[in-house]
């Protein structure tokens, strides 16, 4: 089991910045990918950014060049630096961990989620 706790959300004006943090605890040694998702009112949850255990990153097109994901493996923490925020970025942001699970039948991936943190960008 892995527990994820996010922090760093809040209210910011358009053009401003926020930094989200997500600390993982529990069985962290098999964490593969870490990522951030967001869900705006009335919309489906969408992937924002992800980072592999090796440091490879990918981003949604809407945030490329504005958001940066990073991870500190020693602290089991993933960060999302969000710059040049606009009202369309308003959403609840969720931390996600993909954890490898090894069984006699093979390797499986389990998803874990944080409780979410609200990001509100005013115009």
C-alpha atoms as a PDB file:
ATOM      1  CA  UNK A   1       0.000   0.000   0.000  1.00  0.00           C
ATOM      2  CA  UNK A   2       1.097   3.524  -0.796  1.00  0.00           C
ATOM      3  CA  UNK A   3      -0.306   6.689   0.729  1.00  0.00           C
ATOM      4  CA  UNK A   4      -0.087  10.007  -1.100  1.00  0.00           C
ATOM      5  CA  UNK A   5      -0.533  13.415   0.504  1.00  0.00           C
ATOM      6  CA  UNK A   6      -0.685  16.530  -1.660  1.00  0.00           C
ATOM      7  CA  UNK A   7      -0.053  20.100  -0.612  1.00  0.00           C
ATOM      8  CA  UNK A   8       0.482  23.482  -2.194  1.00  0.00           C
ATOM      9  CA  UNK A   9      -2.843  24.281  -3.810  1.00  0.00           C
ATOM     10  CA  UNK A  10      -4.573  27.602  -3.408  1.00  0.00           C
ATOM     11  CA  UNK A  11      -5.877  30.725  -5.063  1.00  0.00           C
ATOM     12  CA  UNK A  12      -3.670  32.651  -7.464  1.00  0.00           C
ATOM     13  CA  UNK A  13      -4.176  35.372 -10.038  1.00  0.00           C
ATOM     14  CA  UNK A  14      -3.762  34.687 -13.730  1.00  0.00           C
ATOM     15  CA  UNK A  15      -0.108  34.763 -14.690  1.00  0.00           C
ATOM     16  CA  UNK A  16       0.973  33.618 -11.255  1.00  0.00           C
ATOM     17  CA  UNK A  17       2.694  30.461 -10.055  1.00  0.00           C
ATOM     18  CA  UNK A  18       2.075  27.630  -7.636  1.00  0.00           C
ATOM     19  CA  UNK A  19       4.082  24.601  -6.622  1.00  0.00           C
ATOM     20  CA  UNK A  20       2.338  21.383  -5.709  1.00  0.00           C
ATOM     21  CA  UNK A  21       3.996  18.670  -3.659  1.00  0.00           C
ATOM     22  CA  UNK A  22       3.017  15.057  -3.135  1.00  0.00           C
ATOM     23  CA  UNK A  23       4.694  12.946  -0.490  1.00  0.00           C
ATOM     24  CA  UNK A  24       4.461   9.169  -0.764  1.00  0.00           C
ATOM     25  CA  UNK A  25       4.693   6.795   2.166  1.00  0.00           C
ATOM     26  CA  UNK A  26       4.232   3.097   2.762  1.00  0.00           C
ATOM     27  CA  UNK A  27       5.534   0.579   0.249  1.00  0.00           C
ATOM     28  CA  UNK A  28       7.367   3.139  -1.866  1.00  0.00           C
ATOM     29  CA  UNK A  29      10.198   0.935  -3.095  1.00  0.00           C
ATOM     30  CA  UNK A  30       8.164  -0.320  -6.056  1.00  0.00           C
ATOM     31  CA  UNK A  31       6.872   3.057  -7.215  1.00  0.00           C
ATOM     32  CA  UNK A  32       7.304   3.272 -10.958  1.00  0.00           C
ATOM     33  CA  UNK A  33       5.633   6.356 -12.362  1.00  0.00           C
ATOM     34  CA  UNK A  34       4.468   9.419 -10.468  1.00  0.00           C
ATOM     35  CA  UNK A  35       2.145  11.919 -11.976  1.00  0.00           C
ATOM     36  CA  UNK A  36      -0.401  14.668 -11.633  1.00  0.00           C
ATOM     37  CA  UNK A  37      -3.958  14.650 -12.892  1.00  0.00           C
ATOM     38  CA  UNK A  38      -6.620  17.303 -12.656  1.00  0.00           C
ATOM     39  CA  UNK A  39     -10.375  17.452 -12.774  1.00  0.00           C
ATOM     40  CA  UNK A  40     -12.321  20.614 -13.441  1.00  0.00           C
ATOM     41  CA  UNK A  41     -16.034  20.900 -12.602  1.00  0.00           C
ATOM     42  CA  UNK A  42     -18.125  19.014 -15.135  1.00  0.00           C
ATOM     43  CA  UNK A  43     -15.090  17.548 -16.868  1.00  0.00           C
ATOM     44  CA  UNK A  44     -13.304  14.233 -16.815  1.00  0.00           C
ATOM     45  CA  UNK A  45     -10.067  13.740 -14.960  1.00  0.00           C
ATOM     46  CA  UNK A  46      -7.121  14.350 -17.266  1.00  0.00           C
ATOM     47  CA  UNK A  47      -3.411  13.660 -17.106  1.00  0.00           C
ATOM     48  CA  UNK A  48      -1.283  16.751 -16.623  1.00  0.00           C
ATOM     49  CA  UNK A  49       2.253  15.429 -16.267  1.00  0.00           C
ATOM     50  CA  UNK A  50       4.097  12.255 -15.369  1.00  0.00           C
ATOM     51  CA  UNK A  51       7.635  11.245 -14.521  1.00  0.00           C
ATOM     52  CA  UNK A  52       9.154   7.789 -14.606  1.00  0.00           C
ATOM     53  CA  UNK A  53      11.522   6.289 -12.088  1.00  0.00           C
ATOM     54  CA  UNK A  54      14.301   7.093 -14.537  1.00  0.00           C
ATOM     55  CA  UNK A  55      13.285  10.719 -14.806  1.00  0.00           C
ATOM     56  CA  UNK A  56      11.561  10.674 -18.184  1.00  0.00           C
ATOM     57  CA  UNK A  57       8.727  13.163 -18.314  1.00  0.00           C
ATOM     58  CA  UNK A  58       5.662  13.810 -20.406  1.00  0.00           C
ATOM     59  CA  UNK A  59       3.122  16.608 -20.335  1.00  0.00           C
ATOM     60  CA  UNK A  60      -0.307  17.435 -21.604  1.00  0.00           C
ATOM     61  CA  UNK A  61      -0.133  19.777 -24.578  1.00  0.00           C
ATOM     62  CA  UNK A  62      -2.045  22.437 -22.669  1.00  0.00           C
ATOM     63  CA  UNK A  63       0.661  22.756 -20.002  1.00  0.00           C
ATOM     64  CA  UNK A  64       3.857  22.245 -21.996  1.00  0.00           C
ATOM     65  CA  UNK A  65       6.287  25.068 -21.421  1.00  0.00           C
ATOM     66  CA  UNK A  66       4.412  26.250 -18.313  1.00  0.00           C
ATOM     67  CA  UNK A  67       4.451  23.287 -15.919  1.00  0.00           C
ATOM     68  CA  UNK A  68       7.432  21.253 -14.757  1.00  0.00           C
ATOM     69  CA  UNK A  69       7.252  17.916 -12.972  1.00  0.00           C
ATOM     70  CA  UNK A  70      10.132  16.651 -10.878  1.00  0.00           C
ATOM     71  CA  UNK A  71      10.737  14.018  -8.238  1.00  0.00           C
ATOM     72  CA  UNK A  72      13.021  13.548  -5.287  1.00  0.00           C
ATOM     73  CA  UNK A  73      13.430   9.796  -4.909  1.00  0.00           C
ATOM     74  CA  UNK A  74      15.212  10.151  -1.579  1.00  0.00           C
ATOM     75  CA  UNK A  75      12.168  11.956  -0.158  1.00  0.00           C
ATOM     76  CA  UNK A  76       9.603   9.946  -2.162  1.00  0.00           C
ATOM     77  CA  UNK A  77       8.137  13.251  -3.253  1.00  0.00           C
ATOM     78  CA  UNK A  78       6.928  14.530  -6.601  1.00  0.00           C
ATOM     79  CA  UNK A  79       6.493  18.194  -7.417  1.00  0.00           C
ATOM     80  CA  UNK A  80       4.569  20.168  -9.995  1.00  0.00           C
ATOM     81  CA  UNK A  81       5.806  23.684 -10.627  1.00  0.00           C
ATOM     82  CA  UNK A  82       3.056  25.609 -12.371  1.00  0.00           C
ATOM     83  CA  UNK A  83       3.879  28.930 -14.009  1.00  0.00           C
ATOM     84  CA  UNK A  84       1.863  31.326 -16.136  1.00  0.00           C
ATOM     85  CA  UNK A  85      -1.353  29.967 -14.716  1.00  0.00           C
ATOM     86  CA  UNK A  86      -4.618  30.837 -16.412  1.00  0.00           C
ATOM     87  CA  UNK A  87      -8.253  30.335 -15.364  1.00  0.00           C
ATOM     88  CA  UNK A  88      -8.455  27.174 -17.507  1.00  0.00           C
ATOM     89  CA  UNK A  89      -6.004  25.568 -15.085  1.00  0.00           C
ATOM     90  CA  UNK A  90      -8.562  25.789 -12.281  1.00  0.00           C
ATOM     91  CA  UNK A  91      -9.244  22.255 -11.055  1.00  0.00           C
ATOM     92  CA  UNK A  92      -8.675  19.778  -8.290  1.00  0.00           C
ATOM     93  CA  UNK A  93      -5.208  18.352  -8.798  1.00  0.00           C
ATOM     94  CA  UNK A  94      -4.546  14.735  -7.863  1.00  0.00           C
ATOM     95  CA  UNK A  95      -1.267  12.973  -7.312  1.00  0.00           C
ATOM     96  CA  UNK A  96      -0.971   9.505  -8.815  1.00  0.00           C
ATOM     97  CA  UNK A  97       1.504   6.704  -8.200  1.00  0.00           C
ATOM     98  CA  UNK A  98       1.840   3.629 -10.371  1.00  0.00           C
ATOM     99  CA  UNK A  99       3.315   0.845  -8.277  1.00  0.00           C
ATOM    100  CA  UNK A 100       4.726  -2.399  -9.574  1.00  0.00           C
ATOM    101  CA  UNK A 101       3.408  -5.560  -7.972  1.00  0.00           C
ATOM    102  CA  UNK A 102       5.249  -8.778  -8.621  1.00  0.00           C
ATOM    103  CA  UNK A 103       3.484 -12.134  -8.329  1.00  0.00           C
ATOM    104  CA  UNK A 104       4.300 -15.664  -9.506  1.00  0.00           C
ATOM    105  CA  UNK A 105       2.064 -14.915 -12.490  1.00  0.00           C
ATOM    106  CA  UNK A 106       3.911 -11.786 -13.500  1.00  0.00           C
ATOM    107  CA  UNK A 107       4.187  -8.036 -12.946  1.00  0.00           C
ATOM    108  CA  UNK A 108       1.108  -5.918 -12.382  1.00  0.00           C
ATOM    109  CA  UNK A 109       0.632  -2.198 -11.931  1.00  0.00           C
ATOM    110  CA  UNK A 110      -1.520  -0.731  -9.195  1.00  0.00           C
ATOM    111  CA  UNK A 111      -2.754   2.865  -9.126  1.00  0.00           C
ATOM    112  CA  UNK A 112      -2.805   4.966  -5.979  1.00  0.00           C
ATOM    113  CA  UNK A 113      -4.318   8.425  -5.618  1.00  0.00           C
ATOM    114  CA  UNK A 114      -4.013  11.336  -3.275  1.00  0.00           C
ATOM    115  CA  UNK A 115      -7.006  13.163  -1.847  1.00  0.00           C
ATOM    116  CA  UNK A 116      -6.633  16.105  -4.214  1.00  0.00           C
ATOM    117  CA  UNK A 117      -5.766  19.754  -3.764  1.00  0.00           C
ATOM    118  CA  UNK A 118      -7.745  22.674  -5.162  1.00  0.00           C
ATOM    119  CA  UNK A 119      -6.079  25.109  -7.530  1.00  0.00           C
ATOM    120  CA  UNK A 120      -8.094  28.197  -8.410  1.00  0.00           C
ATOM    121  CA  UNK A 121      -6.848  30.783 -10.883  1.00  0.00           C
ATOM    122  CA  UNK A 122      -8.695  34.083 -10.966  1.00  0.00           C
ATOM    123  CA  UNK A 123      -8.805  36.283 -14.047  1.00  0.00           C
END
